[in-house]
All heavy atoms as atom14 arrays in JSON, in Angstrom:
{
  "sequence": "GGGLVQAGGSLRLSCVASGNIFSINNMGWHRQAPGKQRELVASITN",
  "atom14_mask": [
    [1, 1, 1, 1, 0, 0, 0, 0, 0, 0, 0, 0, 0, 0],
    [1, 1, 1, 1, 0, 0, 0, 0, 0, 0, 0, 0, 0, 0],
    [1, 1, 1, 1, 0, 0, 0, 0, 0, 0, 0, 0, 0, 0],
    [1, 1, 1, 1, 1, 1, 1, 1, 0, 0, 0, 0, 0, 0],
    [1, 1, 1, 1, 1, 1, 1, 0, 0, 0, 0, 0, 0, 0],
    [1, 1, 1, 1, 1, 1, 1, 1, 1, 0, 0, 0, 0, 0],
    [1, 1, 1, 1, 1, 0, 0, 0, 0, 0, 0, 0, 0, 0],
    [1, 1, 1, 1, 0, 0, 0, 0, 0, 0, 0, 0, 0, 0],
    [1, 1, 1, 1, 0, 0, 0, 0, 0, 0, 0, 0, 0, 0],
    [1, 1, 1, 1, 1, 1, 0, 0, 0, 0, 0, 0, 0, 0],
    [1, 1, 1, 1, 1, 1, 1, 1, 0, 0, 0, 0, 0, 0],
    [1, 1, 1, 1, 1, 1, 1, 1, 1, 1, 1, 0, 0, 0],
    [1, 1, 1, 1, 1, 1, 1, 1, 0, 0, 0, 0, 0, 0],
    [1, 1, 1, 1, 1, 1, 0, 0, 0, 0, 0, 0, 0, 0],
    [1, 1, 1, 1, 1, 1, 0, 0, 0, 0, 0, 0, 0, 0],
    [1, 1, 1, 1, 1, 1, 1, 0, 0, 0, 0, 0, 0, 0],
    [1, 1, 1, 1, 1, 0, 0, 0, 0, 0, 0, 0, 0, 0],
    [1, 1, 1, 1, 1, 1, 0, 0, 0, 0, 0, 0, 0, 0],
    [1, 1, 1, 1, 0, 0, 0, 0, 0, 0, 0, 0, 0, 0],
    [1, 1, 1, 1, 1, 1, 1, 1, 0, 0, 0, 0, 0, 0],
    [1, 1, 1, 1, 1, 1, 1, 1, 0, 0, 0, 0, 0, 0],
    [1, 1, 1, 1, 1, 1, 1, 1, 1, 1, 1, 0, 0, 0],
    [1, 1, 1, 1, 1, 1, 0, 0, 0, 0, 0, 0, 0, 0],
    [1, 1, 1, 1, 1, 1, 1, 1, 0, 0, 0, 0, 0, 0],
    [1, 1, 1, 1, 1, 1, 1, 1, 0, 0, 0, 0, 0, 0],
    [1, 1, 1, 1, 1, 1, 1, 1, 0, 0, 0, 0, 0, 0],
    [1, 1, 1, 1, 1, 1, 1, 1, 0, 0, 0, 0, 0, 0],
    [1, 1, 1, 1, 0, 0, 0, 0, 0, 0, 0, 0, 0, 0],
    [1, 1, 1, 1, 1, 1, 1, 1, 1, 1, 1, 1, 1, 1],
    [1, 1, 1, 1, 1, 1, 1, 1, 1, 1, 0, 0, 0, 0],
    [1, 1, 1, 1, 1, 1, 1, 1, 1, 1, 1, 0, 0, 0],
    [1, 1, 1, 1, 1, 1, 1, 1, 1, 0, 0, 0, 0, 0],
    [1, 1, 1, 1, 1, 0, 0, 0, 0, 0, 0, 0, 0, 0],
    [1, 1, 1, 1, 1, 1, 1, 0, 0, 0, 0, 0, 0, 0],
    [1, 1, 1, 1, 0, 0, 0, 0, 0, 0, 0, 0, 0, 0],
    [1, 1, 1, 1, 1, 1, 1, 1, 1, 0, 0, 0, 0, 0],
    [1, 1, 1, 1, 1, 1, 1, 1, 1, 0, 0, 0, 0, 0],
    [1, 1, 1, 1, 1, 1, 1, 1, 1, 1, 1, 0, 0, 0],
    [1, 1, 1, 1, 1, 1, 1, 1, 1, 0, 0, 0, 0, 0],
    [1, 1, 1, 1, 1, 1, 1, 1, 0, 0, 0, 0, 0, 0],
    [1, 1, 1, 1, 1, 1, 1, 0, 0, 0, 0, 0, 0, 0],
    [1, 1, 1, 1, 1, 0, 0, 0, 0, 0, 0, 0, 0, 0],
    [1, 1, 1, 1, 1, 1, 0, 0, 0, 0, 0, 0, 0, 0],
    [1, 1, 1, 1, 1, 1, 1, 1, 0, 0, 0, 0, 0, 0],
    [1, 1, 1, 1, 1, 1, 1, 0, 0, 0, 0, 0, 0, 0],
    [1, 1, 1, 1, 1, 1, 1, 1, 0, 0, 0, 0, 0, 0]
  ],
  "atom14_positions": [
    [[-36.88, 17.11, 68.39], [-35.98, 17.18, 67.17], [-35.31, 15.82, 66.81], [-34.59, 15.78, 65.84], [0.0, 0.0, 0.0], [0.0, 0.0, 0.0], [0.0, 0.0, 0.0], [0.0, 0.0, 0.0], [0.0, 0.0, 0.0], [0.0, 0.0, 0.0], [0.0, 0.0, 0.0], [0.0, 0.0, 0.0], [0.0, 0.0, 0.0], [0.0, 0.0, 0.0]],
    [[-35.57, 14.75, 67.63], [-34.94, 13.51, 67.25], [-35.65, 12.95, 66.03], [-36.68, 13.37, 65.55], [0.0, 0.0, 0.0], [0.0, 0.0, 0.0], [0.0, 0.0, 0.0], [0.0, 0.0, 0.0], [0.0, 0.0, 0.0], [0.0, 0.0, 0.0], [0.0, 0.0, 0.0], [0.0, 0.0, 0.0], [0.0, 0.0, 0.0], [0.0, 0.0, 0.0]],
    [[-35.02, 11.89, 65.46], [-35.58, 11.21, 64.3], [-34.58, 10.31, 63.63], [-33.54, 9.91, 64.23], [0.0, 0.0, 0.0], [0.0, 0.0, 0.0], [0.0, 0.0, 0.0], [0.0, 0.0, 0.0], [0.0, 0.0, 0.0], [0.0, 0.0, 0.0], [0.0, 0.0, 0.0], [0.0, 0.0, 0.0], [0.0, 0.0, 0.0], [0.0, 0.0, 0.0]],
    [[-34.89, 9.9, 62.42], [-34.12, 9.0, 61.61], [-33.36, 9.71, 60.55], [-34.01, 10.46, 59.73], [-34.94, 7.89, 61.06], [-34.29, 6.94, 60.07], [-33.19, 6.08, 60.8], [-35.31, 6.0, 59.45], [0.0, 0.0, 0.0], [0.0, 0.0, 0.0], [0.0, 0.0, 0.0], [0.0, 0.0, 0.0], [0.0, 0.0, 0.0], [0.0, 0.0, 0.0]],
    [[-32.06, 9.58, 60.43], [-31.26, 10.25, 59.38], [-30.2, 9.28, 58.92], [-29.82, 8.3, 59.57], [-30.57, 11.54, 59.88], [-31.59, 12.66, 60.28], [-29.6, 11.28, 61.0], [0.0, 0.0, 0.0], [0.0, 0.0, 0.0], [0.0, 0.0, 0.0], [0.0, 0.0, 0.0], [0.0, 0.0, 0.0], [0.0, 0.0, 0.0], [0.0, 0.0, 0.0]],
    [[-29.7, 9.55, 57.75], [-28.6, 8.78, 57.15], [-27.32, 9.31, 57.71], [-27.14, 10.45, 58.13], [-28.59, 8.87, 55.62], [-29.76, 8.13, 54.94], [-29.64, 8.18, 53.43], [-30.02, 9.2, 52.83], [-29.09, 7.11, 52.87], [0.0, 0.0, 0.0], [0.0, 0.0, 0.0], [0.0, 0.0, 0.0], [0.0, 0.0, 0.0], [0.0, 0.0, 0.0]],
    [[-26.37, 8.4, 57.69], [-25.0, 8.81, 58.07], [-24.47, 9.99, 57.26], [-24.7, 10.01, 56.03], [-23.96, 7.66, 57.89], [0.0, 0.0, 0.0], [0.0, 0.0, 0.0], [0.0, 0.0, 0.0], [0.0, 0.0, 0.0], [0.0, 0.0, 0.0], [0.0, 0.0, 0.0], [0.0, 0.0, 0.0], [0.0, 0.0, 0.0], [0.0, 0.0, 0.0]],
    [[-23.91, 10.93, 57.91], [-23.42, 12.17, 57.26], [-24.43, 13.3, 57.31], [-24.15, 14.45, 56.99], [0.0, 0.0, 0.0], [0.0, 0.0, 0.0], [0.0, 0.0, 0.0], [0.0, 0.0, 0.0], [0.0, 0.0, 0.0], [0.0, 0.0, 0.0], [0.0, 0.0, 0.0], [0.0, 0.0, 0.0], [0.0, 0.0, 0.0], [0.0, 0.0, 0.0]],
    [[-25.66, 12.96, 57.74], [-26.71, 13.96, 57.88], [-26.63, 14.76, 59.15], [-25.72, 14.66, 59.93], [0.0, 0.0, 0.0], [0.0, 0.0, 0.0], [0.0, 0.0, 0.0], [0.0, 0.0, 0.0], [0.0, 0.0, 0.0], [0.0, 0.0, 0.0], [0.0, 0.0, 0.0], [0.0, 0.0, 0.0], [0.0, 0.0, 0.0], [0.0, 0.0, 0.0]],
    [[-27.67, 15.65, 59.38], [-27.69, 16.55, 60.49], [-29.02, 16.52, 61.12], [-30.04, 16.27, 60.53], [-27.41, 17.94, 60.07], [-26.09, 18.13, 59.5], [0.0, 0.0, 0.0], [0.0, 0.0, 0.0], [0.0, 0.0, 0.0], [0.0, 0.0, 0.0], [0.0, 0.0, 0.0], [0.0, 0.0, 0.0], [0.0, 0.0, 0.0], [0.0, 0.0, 0.0]],
    [[-29.11, 16.88, 62.46], [-30.24, 17.06, 63.23], [-30.04, 18.17, 64.23], [-28.87, 18.4, 64.7], [-30.69, 15.84, 63.96], [-31.38, 14.64, 63.25], [-31.55, 13.5, 64.14], [-32.72, 15.07, 62.64], [0.0, 0.0, 0.0], [0.0, 0.0, 0.0], [0.0, 0.0, 0.0], [0.0, 0.0, 0.0], [0.0, 0.0, 0.0], [0.0, 0.0, 0.0]],
    [[-31.04, 18.83, 64.61], [-30.91, 19.84, 65.67], [-32.01, 19.44, 66.75], [-33.18, 19.37, 66.5], [-31.21, 21.23, 65.27], [-30.86, 22.28, 66.34], [-31.1, 23.7, 65.9], [-32.47, 24.14, 66.08], [-32.85, 25.32, 66.29], [-31.94, 26.32, 66.37], [-34.13, 25.62, 66.3], [0.0, 0.0, 0.0], [0.0, 0.0, 0.0], [0.0, 0.0, 0.0]],
    [[-31.49, 19.18, 68.02], [-32.34, 18.89, 69.11], [-32.55, 20.22, 69.93], [-31.72, 21.05, 70.03], [-31.63, 17.88, 70.01], [-31.22, 16.58, 69.41], [-30.68, 15.65, 70.44], [-32.33, 15.88, 68.64], [0.0, 0.0, 0.0], [0.0, 0.0, 0.0], [0.0, 0.0, 0.0], [0.0, 0.0, 0.0], [0.0, 0.0, 0.0], [0.0, 0.0, 0.0]],
    [[-33.75, 20.27, 70.5], [-34.12, 21.44, 71.37], [-34.6, 20.89, 72.68], [-35.18, 19.78, 72.8], [-35.18, 22.25, 70.75], [-34.8, 22.8, 69.44], [0.0, 0.0, 0.0], [0.0, 0.0, 0.0], [0.0, 0.0, 0.0], [0.0, 0.0, 0.0], [0.0, 0.0, 0.0], [0.0, 0.0, 0.0], [0.0, 0.0, 0.0], [0.0, 0.0, 0.0]],
    [[-34.32, 21.62, 73.69], [-34.83, 21.28, 75.1], [-35.29, 22.56, 75.7], [-34.58, 23.54, 75.94], [-33.71, 20.65, 75.9], [-34.16, 20.46, 77.64], [0.0, 0.0, 0.0], [0.0, 0.0, 0.0], [0.0, 0.0, 0.0], [0.0, 0.0, 0.0], [0.0, 0.0, 0.0], [0.0, 0.0, 0.0], [0.0, 0.0, 0.0], [0.0, 0.0, 0.0]],
    [[-36.6, 22.59, 76.12], [-37.21, 23.72, 76.74], [-37.53, 23.34, 78.2], [-38.14, 22.41, 78.5], [-38.48, 24.12, 76.03], [-39.17, 25.34, 76.71], [-38.24, 24.39, 74.58], [0.0, 0.0, 0.0], [0.0, 0.0, 0.0], [0.0, 0.0, 0.0], [0.0, 0.0, 0.0], [0.0, 0.0, 0.0], [0.0, 0.0, 0.0], [0.0, 0.0, 0.0]],
    [[-37.0, 24.21, 79.05], [-37.16, 24.14, 80.48], [-38.34, 25.01, 80.94], [-38.37, 26.15, 80.44], [-35.91, 24.4, 81.26], [0.0, 0.0, 0.0], [0.0, 0.0, 0.0], [0.0, 0.0, 0.0], [0.0, 0.0, 0.0], [0.0, 0.0, 0.0], [0.0, 0.0, 0.0], [0.0, 0.0, 0.0], [0.0, 0.0, 0.0], [0.0, 0.0, 0.0]],
    [[-39.15, 24.55, 81.78], [-40.24, 25.35, 82.35], [-40.47, 25.04, 83.78], [-39.93, 24.06, 84.29], [-41.52, 25.12, 81.52], [-41.94, 23.81, 81.58], [0.0, 0.0, 0.0], [0.0, 0.0, 0.0], [0.0, 0.0, 0.0], [0.0, 0.0, 0.0], [0.0, 0.0, 0.0], [0.0, 0.0, 0.0], [0.0, 0.0, 0.0], [0.0, 0.0, 0.0]],
    [[-41.23, 25.84, 84.42], [-41.52, 25.62, 85.83], [-40.92, 26.77, 86.74], [-40.69, 27.87, 86.3], [0.0, 0.0, 0.0], [0.0, 0.0, 0.0], [0.0, 0.0, 0.0], [0.0, 0.0, 0.0], [0.0, 0.0, 0.0], [0.0, 0.0, 0.0], [0.0, 0.0, 0.0], [0.0, 0.0, 0.0], [0.0, 0.0, 0.0], [0.0, 0.0, 0.0]],
    [[-40.6, 26.35, 87.95], [-39.99, 27.28, 88.95], [-38.51, 27.35, 88.77], [-37.76, 26.69, 89.43], [-40.45, 26.84, 90.33], [-41.92, 26.9, 90.57], [-42.51, 27.82, 89.98], [-42.43, 26.14, 91.45], [0.0, 0.0, 0.0], [0.0, 0.0, 0.0], [0.0, 0.0, 0.0], [0.0, 0.0, 0.0], [0.0, 0.0, 0.0], [0.0, 0.0, 0.0]],
    [[-38.05, 28.2, 87.82], [-36.69, 28.39, 87.52], [-36.24, 29.73, 88.09], [-36.81, 30.73, 87.71], [-36.42, 28.23, 86.08], [-36.91, 26.84, 85.55], [-35.01, 28.5, 85.72], [-36.89, 26.79, 84.07], [0.0, 0.0, 0.0], [0.0, 0.0, 0.0], [0.0, 0.0, 0.0], [0.0, 0.0, 0.0], [0.0, 0.0, 0.0], [0.0, 0.0, 0.0]],
    [[-35.23, 29.76, 88.91], [-34.92, 30.98, 89.61], [-33.46, 31.53, 89.28], [-32.99, 32.43, 89.95], [-34.98, 30.68, 91.11], [-36.28, 30.21, 91.59], [-36.47, 28.82, 91.88], [-37.44, 31.06, 91.62], [-37.72, 28.36, 92.3], [-38.62, 30.57, 91.97], [-38.81, 29.28, 92.35], [0.0, 0.0, 0.0], [0.0, 0.0, 0.0], [0.0, 0.0, 0.0]],
    [[-32.82, 30.87, 88.33], [-31.5, 31.39, 87.91], [-31.22, 30.9, 86.51], [-31.86, 30.06, 85.95], [-30.47, 30.84, 88.9], [-30.34, 29.5, 88.88], [0.0, 0.0, 0.0], [0.0, 0.0, 0.0], [0.0, 0.0, 0.0], [0.0, 0.0, 0.0], [0.0, 0.0, 0.0], [0.0, 0.0, 0.0], [0.0, 0.0, 0.0], [0.0, 0.0, 0.0]],
    [[-30.1, 31.42, 85.94], [-29.55, 30.86, 84.66], [-28.74, 29.69, 85.1], [-27.78, 29.79, 85.96], [-28.78, 31.94, 84.0], [-29.61, 33.1, 83.64], [-28.15, 31.33, 82.73], [-28.87, 34.27, 82.96], [0.0, 0.0, 0.0], [0.0, 0.0, 0.0], [0.0, 0.0, 0.0], [0.0, 0.0, 0.0], [0.0, 0.0, 0.0], [0.0, 0.0, 0.0]],
    [[-29.0, 28.59, 84.5], [-28.43, 27.24, 84.99], [-27.55, 26.57, 83.97], [-27.64, 26.8, 82.8], [-29.59, 26.31, 85.35], [-30.61, 26.89, 86.28], [-30.28, 27.03, 87.49], [-31.76, 27.37, 85.79], [0.0, 0.0, 0.0], [0.0, 0.0, 0.0], [0.0, 0.0, 0.0], [0.0, 0.0, 0.0], [0.0, 0.0, 0.0], [0.0, 0.0, 0.0]],
    [[-26.68, 25.72, 84.46], [-25.87, 24.81, 83.65], [-26.87, 23.88, 83.0], [-27.74, 23.32, 83.67], [-24.8, 24.05, 84.42], [-23.79, 25.02, 85.0], [-23.71, 26.24, 84.64], [-22.94, 24.48, 85.88], [0.0, 0.0, 0.0], [0.0, 0.0, 0.0], [0.0, 0.0, 0.0], [0.0, 0.0, 0.0], [0.0, 0.0, 0.0], [0.0, 0.0, 0.0]],
    [[-26.7, 23.61, 81.72], [-27.56, 22.66, 81.05], [-26.68, 21.81, 80.1], [-25.53, 22.21, 79.82], [-28.61, 23.34, 80.16], [-29.57, 24.2, 81.04], [-30.98, 24.97, 80.11], [-31.85, 23.47, 79.7], [0.0, 0.0, 0.0], [0.0, 0.0, 0.0], [0.0, 0.0, 0.0], [0.0, 0.0, 0.0], [0.0, 0.0, 0.0], [0.0, 0.0, 0.0]],
    [[-27.26, 20.69, 79.7], [-26.47, 19.8, 78.79], [-27.33, 18.69, 78.19], [-28.44, 18.59, 78.4], [0.0, 0.0, 0.0], [0.0, 0.0, 0.0], [0.0, 0.0, 0.0], [0.0, 0.0, 0.0], [0.0, 0.0, 0.0], [0.0, 0.0, 0.0], [0.0, 0.0, 0.0], [0.0, 0.0, 0.0], [0.0, 0.0, 0.0], [0.0, 0.0, 0.0]],
    [[-26.52, 17.91, 77.46], [-27.11, 16.72, 76.81], [-26.33, 15.5, 77.07], [-25.05, 15.58, 77.09], [-27.16, 16.9, 75.2], [-28.09, 17.95, 74.76], [-27.81, 19.29, 74.51], [-29.46, 17.75, 74.45], [-28.96, 19.91, 74.07], [-29.94, 19.01, 73.97], [-30.36, 16.69, 74.45], [-31.28, 19.15, 73.59], [-31.63, 16.8, 74.07], [-32.16, 18.1, 73.61]],
    [[-26.97, 14.44, 77.41], [-26.36, 13.11, 77.59], [-27.05, 12.12, 76.64], [-28.17, 12.41, 76.17], [-26.45, 12.61, 79.03], [-25.62, 13.36, 79.97], [-25.94, 14.71, 80.38], [-24.54, 12.97, 80.64], [-25.03, 15.1, 81.25], [-24.18, 14.07, 81.43], [0.0, 0.0, 0.0], [0.0, 0.0, 0.0], [0.0, 0.0, 0.0], [0.0, 0.0, 0.0]],
    [[-26.47, 11.08, 76.4], [-27.11, 10.02, 75.53], [-26.81, 8.6, 76.04], [-25.86, 8.4, 76.73], [-26.66, 10.13, 74.04], [-25.21, 9.76, 73.86], [-24.75, 10.03, 72.43], [-23.39, 9.59, 72.08], [-22.77, 9.87, 71.01], [-23.34, 10.5, 69.99], [-21.56, 9.41, 70.85], [0.0, 0.0, 0.0], [0.0, 0.0, 0.0], [0.0, 0.0, 0.0]],
    [[-27.73, 7.7, 75.71], [-27.59, 6.31, 76.05], [-27.99, 5.39, 74.91], [-29.13, 5.46, 74.51], [-28.38, 5.99, 77.33], [-28.14, 4.67, 77.91], [-28.64, 4.52, 79.36], [-29.47, 5.21, 79.75], [-28.07, 3.57, 80.07], [0.0, 0.0, 0.0], [0.0, 0.0, 0.0], [0.0, 0.0, 0.0], [0.0, 0.0, 0.0], [0.0, 0.0, 0.0]],
    [[-27.03, 4.64, 74.52], [-27.33, 3.64, 73.48], [-27.66, 2.26, 74.05], [-27.24, 2.09, 75.21], [-26.09, 3.55, 72.51], [0.0, 0.0, 0.0], [0.0, 0.0, 0.0], [0.0, 0.0, 0.0], [0.0, 0.0, 0.0], [0.0, 0.0, 0.0], [0.0, 0.0, 0.0], [0.0, 0.0, 0.0], [0.0, 0.0, 0.0], [0.0, 0.0, 0.0]],
    [[-28.28, 1.38, 73.34], [-28.65, 0.1, 73.91], [-27.44, -0.63, 74.39], [-26.46, -0.77, 73.6], [-29.27, -0.62, 72.72], [-29.93, 0.47, 71.92], [-28.87, 1.64, 71.96], [0.0, 0.0, 0.0], [0.0, 0.0, 0.0], [0.0, 0.0, 0.0], [0.0, 0.0, 0.0], [0.0, 0.0, 0.0], [0.0, 0.0, 0.0], [0.0, 0.0, 0.0]],
    [[-27.45, -1.13, 75.59], [-26.42, -1.88, 76.17], [-25.17, -1.11, 76.59], [-24.17, -1.71, 76.96], [0.0, 0.0, 0.0], [0.0, 0.0, 0.0], [0.0, 0.0, 0.0], [0.0, 0.0, 0.0], [0.0, 0.0, 0.0], [0.0, 0.0, 0.0], [0.0, 0.0, 0.0], [0.0, 0.0, 0.0], [0.0, 0.0, 0.0], [0.0, 0.0, 0.0]],
    [[-25.3, 0.2, 76.56], [-24.13, 1.09, 76.97], [-24.54, 2.06, 78.05], [-25.75, 2.27, 78.37], [-23.65, 1.89, 75.78], [-23.12, 1.01, 74.64], [-22.56, 1.89, 73.51], [-21.95, 1.04, 72.44], [-21.35, 1.93, 71.29], [0.0, 0.0, 0.0], [0.0, 0.0, 0.0], [0.0, 0.0, 0.0], [0.0, 0.0, 0.0], [0.0, 0.0, 0.0]],
    [[-23.57, 2.56, 78.75], [-23.81, 3.5, 79.79], [-24.19, 4.86, 79.25], [-23.76, 5.2, 78.12], [-22.59, 3.64, 80.7], [-22.12, 2.45, 81.43], [-20.86, 2.71, 82.27], [-20.19, 3.67, 82.11], [-20.61, 1.81, 83.16], [0.0, 0.0, 0.0], [0.0, 0.0, 0.0], [0.0, 0.0, 0.0], [0.0, 0.0, 0.0], [0.0, 0.0, 0.0]],
    [[-24.92, 5.66, 80.03], [-25.17, 6.97, 79.59], [-23.9, 7.81, 79.63], [-23.06, 7.69, 80.6], [-26.24, 7.65, 80.57], [-26.73, 9.02, 80.14], [-27.86, 9.54, 81.04], [-29.06, 8.72, 80.98], [-30.17, 9.07, 81.47], [-30.3, 10.19, 82.09], [-31.23, 8.27, 81.3], [0.0, 0.0, 0.0], [0.0, 0.0, 0.0], [0.0, 0.0, 0.0]],
    [[-23.7, 8.63, 78.59], [-22.53, 9.39, 78.52], [-22.8, 10.89, 78.22], [-23.85, 11.21, 77.67], [-21.56, 8.76, 77.38], [-22.21, 8.87, 76.0], [-21.24, 8.45, 74.87], [-20.06, 8.3, 75.19], [-21.7, 8.26, 73.76], [0.0, 0.0, 0.0], [0.0, 0.0, 0.0], [0.0, 0.0, 0.0], [0.0, 0.0, 0.0], [0.0, 0.0, 0.0]],
    [[-21.9, 11.7, 78.55], [-21.97, 13.13, 78.32], [-21.76, 13.32, 76.82], [-20.85, 12.84, 76.24], [-20.92, 13.9, 79.05], [-20.73, 15.46, 78.71], [-21.97, 16.18, 79.21], [-19.45, 15.97, 79.27], [0.0, 0.0, 0.0], [0.0, 0.0, 0.0], [0.0, 0.0, 0.0], [0.0, 0.0, 0.0], [0.0, 0.0, 0.0], [0.0, 0.0, 0.0]],
    [[-22.65, 14.2, 76.27], [-22.53, 14.61, 74.87], [-21.97, 16.08, 74.87], [-20.97, 16.37, 74.2], [-23.86, 14.53, 74.16], [-23.72, 15.09, 72.81], [-24.45, 13.18, 74.1], [0.0, 0.0, 0.0], [0.0, 0.0, 0.0], [0.0, 0.0, 0.0], [0.0, 0.0, 0.0], [0.0, 0.0, 0.0], [0.0, 0.0, 0.0], [0.0, 0.0, 0.0]],
    [[-22.62, 16.96, 75.6], [-22.17, 18.39, 75.6], [-22.82, 19.06, 76.81], [-23.97, 18.66, 77.27], [-22.61, 19.08, 74.27], [0.0, 0.0, 0.0], [0.0, 0.0, 0.0], [0.0, 0.0, 0.0], [0.0, 0.0, 0.0], [0.0, 0.0, 0.0], [0.0, 0.0, 0.0], [0.0, 0.0, 0.0], [0.0, 0.0, 0.0], [0.0, 0.0, 0.0]],
    [[-22.2, 20.04, 77.3], [-22.74, 20.87, 78.36], [-22.44, 22.29, 78.11], [-21.44, 22.67, 77.49], [-22.24, 20.38, 79.78], [-20.85, 20.6, 79.82], [0.0, 0.0, 0.0], [0.0, 0.0, 0.0], [0.0, 0.0, 0.0], [0.0, 0.0, 0.0], [0.0, 0.0, 0.0], [0.0, 0.0, 0.0], [0.0, 0.0, 0.0], [0.0, 0.0, 0.0]],
    [[-23.18, 23.2, 78.77], [-22.98, 24.6, 78.68], [-23.34, 25.25, 80.05], [-24.37, 25.04, 80.55], [-23.83, 25.21, 77.47], [-23.5, 26.68, 77.31], [-25.29, 24.95, 77.67], [-23.93, 27.24, 75.93], [0.0, 0.0, 0.0], [0.0, 0.0, 0.0], [0.0, 0.0, 0.0], [0.0, 0.0, 0.0], [0.0, 0.0, 0.0], [0.0, 0.0, 0.0]],
    [[-22.38, 26.09, 80.54], [-22.59, 26.66, 81.79], [-23.53, 27.88, 81.7], [-23.89, 28.39, 80.57], [-21.26, 27.15, 82.4], [-20.82, 28.3, 81.66], [-20.28, 26.05, 82.43], [0.0, 0.0, 0.0], [0.0, 0.0, 0.0], [0.0, 0.0, 0.0], [0.0, 0.0, 0.0], [0.0, 0.0, 0.0], [0.0, 0.0, 0.0], [0.0, 0.0, 0.0]],
    [[-23.82, 28.46, 82.88], [-24.65, 29.66, 82.92], [-24.03, 30.84, 82.2], [-24.63, 31.79, 81.8], [-25.02, 30.0, 84.35], [-23.84, 30.17, 85.26], [-22.71, 30.07, 84.88], [-24.14, 30.48, 86.55], [0.0, 0.0, 0.0], [0.0, 0.0, 0.0], [0.0, 0.0, 0.0], [0.0, 0.0, 0.0], [0.0, 0.0, 0.0], [0.0, 0.0, 0.0]]
  ]
}
């Protein structure tokens, strides 16, 4: 879902988990800009 947009625009990112998943898990998004530390964007609990 990433891409190039103008300021003021919108995007929707998706993340699909697969494999050996045995519970409903906490999930989230982080981001890292050039020259900066990775930071929390959003998280959601089980």
